[in-house]
């Protein structure tokens, strides 16, 4: 996932307000008293949230499955003057050299897990990576968004330096969206480089995710909609989950 596409990812995401998103996560973690400490961001991508969270005082570690995305993240981190370790790992088998106070999975990371078993594997791995009292927080695109907003949709845009074509196909049998991306970047003269990738996102209900968190042993589960601190509406496009590993929790649930 995200191989050659990693080199153009940030140019396509230029309109995303990552500092504001990081500030939201700071507030979300603060609900559990986590205003500083060791935090691992899974599916960190190019570090768009990892780096501003480090600037807020968290001791960040970035984890992703894509070497190319991690390379971009490490370059950005150096330019920002932050010392963040970026590690290639599958978040379903997260293994860190020290326990964390928080584990994050932002920007649809959980949506890329193809089954409930994979989601549970991630929750269990996060549980093991956390100290007792630690917090797991993540966000997902909702089933409503995948079906009605992304759905069967074609999107395209063009600037002087980059153009993209984005075709989505919704599959109701497993509530997934296949996203076929073709990006054209200007190289020299009238020449362009084409980068093509397919991404697949899967929908999970609020009830299913809550049950899987509880099955993994998490408590104090909260769900908010669209970067707010109110319960999500039926048309919410994003859910934000947060949960706690109890203080007296064993190493495994």
Protein backbone atom coordinates (compact mmCIF):
# COMPACT_ATOMS: atom_id res chain seq x y z
CA UNK A 1 0.00 0.00 0.00
CA UNK A 2 1.09 3.55 -0.79
CA UNK A 3 4.30 2.74 -2.68
CA UNK A 4 5.10 5.17 -5.52
CA UNK A 5 2.02 7.15 -4.44
CA UNK A 6 3.88 8.17 -1.26
CA UNK A 7 6.00 10.68 -3.22
CA UNK A 8 2.91 12.72 -4.19
CA UNK A 9 0.68 12.07 -1.16
CA UNK A 10 1.40 15.35 0.60
CA UNK A 11 0.74 17.39 -2.54
CA UNK A 12 -2.69 15.79 -2.84
CA UNK A 13 -3.45 16.35 0.86
CA UNK A 14 -2.36 19.99 0.90
CA UNK A 15 -5.85 21.17 1.96
CA UNK A 16 -5.94 18.98 5.09
CA UNK A 17 -5.49 21.05 8.27
CA UNK A 18 -3.18 18.67 10.13
CA UNK A 19 -2.38 21.10 13.00
CA UNK A 20 -6.11 21.39 13.75
CA UNK A 21 -6.51 17.61 13.54
CA UNK A 22 -3.56 17.17 15.91
CA UNK A 23 -5.12 19.68 18.31
CA UNK A 24 -8.32 17.64 18.28
CA UNK A 25 -6.40 14.49 19.19
CA UNK A 26 -4.63 16.38 21.96
CA UNK A 27 -8.05 17.30 23.38
CA UNK A 28 -9.33 13.75 22.90
CA UNK A 29 -6.36 12.24 24.74
CA UNK A 30 -6.72 14.87 27.46
CA UNK A 31 -10.17 13.48 28.30
CA UNK A 32 -8.22 10.54 29.75
CA UNK A 33 -5.59 12.74 31.39
CA UNK A 34 -2.99 12.12 28.66
CA UNK A 35 -1.57 15.60 28.06
CA UNK A 36 2.00 14.40 27.55
CA UNK A 37 3.79 11.07 27.41
CA UNK A 38 4.81 8.33 24.96
CA UNK A 39 2.45 7.93 22.00
CA UNK A 40 2.67 5.60 19.01
CA UNK A 41 0.79 6.56 15.85
CA UNK A 42 -0.04 3.53 13.70
CA UNK A 43 -0.61 3.96 9.96
CA UNK A 44 1.23 7.26 10.38
CA UNK A 45 1.79 7.77 6.65
CA UNK A 46 4.03 10.74 5.91
CA UNK A 47 3.83 11.98 9.51
CA UNK A 48 1.24 14.70 8.89
CA UNK A 49 -0.12 14.24 12.43
CA UNK A 50 2.92 12.63 14.05
CA UNK A 51 5.08 15.72 13.64
CA UNK A 52 2.65 18.35 15.03
CA UNK A 53 1.80 16.04 17.95
CA UNK A 54 5.52 15.86 18.73
CA UNK A 55 5.53 19.66 18.69
CA UNK A 56 2.79 19.58 21.33
CA UNK A 57 5.08 17.69 23.71
CA UNK A 58 4.24 14.02 23.06
CA UNK A 59 7.13 11.59 22.65
CA UNK A 60 6.00 10.21 19.31
CA UNK A 61 6.78 6.99 17.48
CA UNK A 62 5.47 6.50 13.95
CA UNK A 63 4.53 3.07 12.58
CA UNK A 64 3.46 2.25 9.04
CA UNK A 65 3.55 -0.71 6.66
CA UNK A 66 4.84 1.37 3.73
CA UNK A 67 8.58 1.96 3.57
CA UNK A 68 7.97 4.74 1.06
CA UNK A 69 5.58 6.61 3.36
CA UNK A 70 8.01 6.23 6.26
CA UNK A 71 10.83 7.65 4.13
CA UNK A 72 8.73 10.72 3.39
CA UNK A 73 7.85 11.02 7.09
CA UNK A 74 11.48 10.83 8.21
CA UNK A 75 12.48 13.52 5.71
CA UNK A 76 9.70 15.82 6.91
CA UNK A 77 10.60 15.16 10.54
CA UNK A 78 14.22 16.12 9.93
CA UNK A 79 13.20 19.32 8.16
CA UNK A 80 10.93 20.15 11.12
CA UNK A 81 13.78 19.57 13.57
CA UNK A 82 12.00 16.75 15.41
CA UNK A 83 13.58 13.46 16.45
CA UNK A 84 10.87 10.88 15.79
CA UNK A 85 11.58 7.17 15.26
CA UNK A 86 9.63 5.82 12.29
CA UNK A 87 9.29 2.02 12.22
CA UNK A 88 7.98 -0.33 9.56
CA UNK A 89 5.48 -2.68 11.20
CA UNK A 90 2.08 -4.17 10.61
CA UNK A 91 -0.13 -2.59 13.26
CA UNK A 92 -1.94 -5.91 13.71
CA UNK A 93 1.33 -7.28 15.11
CA UNK A 94 2.60 -4.16 16.85
CA UNK A 95 5.81 -4.78 18.80
CA UNK A 96 7.50 -1.80 20.45
CA UNK A 97 10.62 -1.68 22.60
CA UNK A 98 8.77 0.11 25.40
CA UNK A 99 5.20 0.47 26.61
CA UNK A 100 3.22 3.47 25.44
CA UNK A 101 0.84 5.87 27.18
CA UNK A 102 -1.18 6.20 23.99
CA UNK A 103 -1.71 4.44 20.67
CA UNK A 104 -3.31 6.29 17.76
CA UNK A 105 -4.56 5.21 14.34
CA UNK A 106 -5.67 8.24 12.36
CA UNK A 107 -6.97 9.14 8.93
CA UNK A 108 -8.89 5.92 8.16
CA UNK A 109 -6.15 3.48 9.16
CA UNK A 110 -8.71 1.04 10.59
CA UNK A 111 -10.77 1.27 7.39
CA UNK A 112 -7.95 -0.46 5.52
CA UNK A 113 -8.24 -3.59 7.70
CA UNK A 114 -10.22 -6.12 5.63
CA UNK A 115 -12.03 -8.06 8.38
CA UNK A 116 -13.26 -7.86 11.95
CA UNK A 117 -10.54 -10.37 12.87
CA UNK A 118 -7.92 -7.92 11.58
CA UNK A 119 -9.48 -5.07 13.57
CA UNK A 120 -9.48 -7.21 16.72
CA UNK A 121 -5.85 -8.16 16.09
CA UNK A 122 -4.95 -4.47 16.00
CA UNK A 123 -6.90 -3.72 19.18
CA UNK A 124 -5.19 -6.61 20.97
CA UNK A 125 -1.77 -5.48 19.75
CA UNK A 126 -2.51 -1.93 20.95
CA UNK A 127 -3.58 -3.34 24.33
CA UNK A 128 -0.23 -5.15 24.67
CA UNK A 129 1.68 -2.02 23.63
CA UNK A 130 -0.02 0.17 26.25
CA UNK A 131 0.80 0.66 29.89
CA UNK A 132 -2.15 0.17 32.26
CA UNK A 133 -4.17 3.38 32.12
CA UNK A 134 -3.03 3.95 28.52
CA UNK A 135 -5.36 5.23 25.80
CA UNK A 136 -6.22 3.93 22.34
CA UNK A 137 -7.72 6.53 19.98
CA UNK A 138 -8.57 6.23 16.31
CA UNK A 139 -10.90 7.54 13.64
CA UNK A 140 -12.74 5.86 10.78
CA UNK A 141 -14.74 6.93 7.77
CA UNK A 142 -18.31 5.87 8.50
CA UNK A 143 -20.43 3.42 6.52
CA UNK A 144 -22.54 6.43 5.50
CA UNK A 145 -19.50 8.14 4.00
CA UNK A 146 -18.21 5.08 2.16
CA UNK A 147 -21.61 4.39 0.60
CA UNK A 148 -23.03 7.87 0.00
CA UNK A 149 -20.08 10.26 -0.22
CA UNK A 150 -17.28 8.16 -1.73
CA UNK A 151 -19.50 5.44 -3.22
CA UNK A 152 -19.55 5.10 -7.00
CA UNK A 153 -17.89 8.41 -7.72
CA UNK A 154 -15.36 9.83 -10.15
CA UNK A 155 -13.17 12.76 -9.08
CA UNK A 156 -10.52 14.63 -11.00
CA UNK A 157 -8.43 17.74 -10.57
CA UNK A 158 -5.46 19.42 -12.22
CA UNK A 159 -2.84 22.05 -11.41
CA UNK A 160 0.26 23.17 -13.27
CA UNK A 161 2.35 20.50 -11.54
CA UNK A 162 0.03 17.61 -10.78
CA UNK A 163 -3.25 16.06 -11.92
CA UNK A 164 -5.23 13.12 -10.62
CA UNK A 165 -8.10 10.85 -11.59
CA UNK A 166 -9.88 9.04 -8.75
CA UNK A 167 -12.53 6.44 -9.53
CA UNK A 168 -14.46 4.75 -6.72
CA UNK A 169 -16.50 1.56 -6.88
CA UNK A 170 -18.75 0.62 -3.96
CA UNK A 171 -19.28 -3.08 -3.22
CA UNK A 172 -22.39 -3.54 -1.04
CA UNK A 173 -21.74 -7.24 -0.39
CA UNK A 174 -18.88 -6.39 1.98
CA UNK A 175 -19.42 -2.63 2.38
CA UNK A 176 -16.13 -1.72 0.77
CA UNK A 177 -14.95 0.97 -1.63
CA UNK A 178 -12.32 0.26 -4.27
CA UNK A 179 -10.45 3.49 -5.00
CA UNK A 180 -8.44 3.47 -8.23
CA UNK A 181 -6.05 6.40 -8.32
CA UNK A 182 -4.02 7.69 -11.25
CA UNK A 183 -1.73 10.63 -10.56
CA UNK A 184 0.20 12.53 -13.23
CA UNK A 185 3.16 14.60 -12.08
CA UNK A 186 5.03 17.08 -14.25
CA UNK A 187 8.63 16.01 -14.86
CA UNK A 188 10.26 17.99 -17.69
CA UNK A 189 8.93 19.96 -20.64
CA UNK A 190 5.58 18.43 -21.57
CA UNK A 191 6.40 15.09 -19.95
CA UNK A 192 4.45 13.60 -17.07
CA UNK A 193 4.99 10.59 -14.83
CA UNK A 194 1.93 8.42 -14.17
CA UNK A 195 1.48 6.77 -10.78
CA UNK A 196 -1.41 4.32 -10.37
CA UNK A 197 -2.56 2.49 -7.24
CA UNK A 198 -5.67 0.80 -5.88
CA UNK A 199 -6.75 1.38 -2.30
CA UNK A 200 -9.60 -0.48 -0.57
CA UNK A 201 -11.50 0.75 2.47
CA UNK A 202 -13.97 -1.31 4.50
CA UNK A 203 -16.91 -0.05 6.54
CA UNK A 204 -17.47 -1.08 10.16
CA UNK A 205 -20.49 -0.20 12.25
CA UNK A 206 -20.20 1.75 15.48
CA UNK A 207 -21.64 -1.23 17.35
CA UNK A 208 -19.11 -3.65 15.85
CA UNK A 209 -16.12 -1.47 16.68
CA UNK A 210 -17.37 -0.88 20.23
CA UNK A 211 -17.87 -4.62 20.75
CA UNK A 212 -14.38 -5.40 19.42
CA UNK A 213 -12.83 -2.82 21.75
CA UNK A 214 -14.63 -4.39 24.70
CA UNK A 215 -13.57 -7.87 23.56
CA UNK A 216 -9.95 -6.69 23.55
CA UNK A 217 -10.40 -5.51 27.15
CA UNK A 218 -10.79 -1.76 26.72
CA UNK A 219 -13.13 0.25 28.92
CA UNK A 220 -14.37 3.87 29.11
CA UNK A 221 -15.17 3.70 25.39
CA UNK A 222 -16.24 7.00 23.86
CA UNK A 223 -17.44 7.77 20.32
CA UNK A 224 -17.71 11.25 18.81
CA UNK A 225 -18.67 12.53 15.37
CA UNK A 226 -16.87 14.74 12.88
CA UNK A 227 -14.05 16.08 15.11
CA UNK A 228 -16.45 17.18 17.85
CA UNK A 229 -17.15 15.99 21.36
CA UNK A 230 -20.81 15.19 20.78
CA UNK A 231 -22.38 11.84 19.82
CA UNK A 232 -22.29 11.22 16.07
CA UNK A 233 -25.33 11.94 13.92
CA UNK A 234 -26.57 9.37 11.37
CA UNK A 235 -24.96 11.39 8.56
CA UNK A 236 -21.59 11.77 10.29
CA UNK A 237 -18.73 11.14 7.89
CA UNK A 238 -16.14 10.37 10.55
CA UNK A 239 -16.25 8.67 13.93
CA UNK A 240 -13.61 9.26 16.59
CA UNK A 241 -13.16 6.45 19.12
CA UNK A 242 -11.22 6.53 22.35
CA UNK A 243 -10.87 3.86 25.03
CA UNK A 244 -8.74 3.05 28.03
CA UNK A 245 -6.72 0.06 29.20
CA UNK A 246 -7.74 -0.26 32.88
CA UNK A 247 -5.15 0.58 35.52
CA UNK A 248 -5.27 -2.93 36.97
CA UNK A 249 -5.22 -4.65 33.56
CA UNK A 250 -3.06 -7.74 32.99
CA UNK A 251 -0.53 -7.91 30.13
CA UNK A 252 -3.07 -9.77 27.97
CA UNK A 253 -6.87 -9.36 28.10
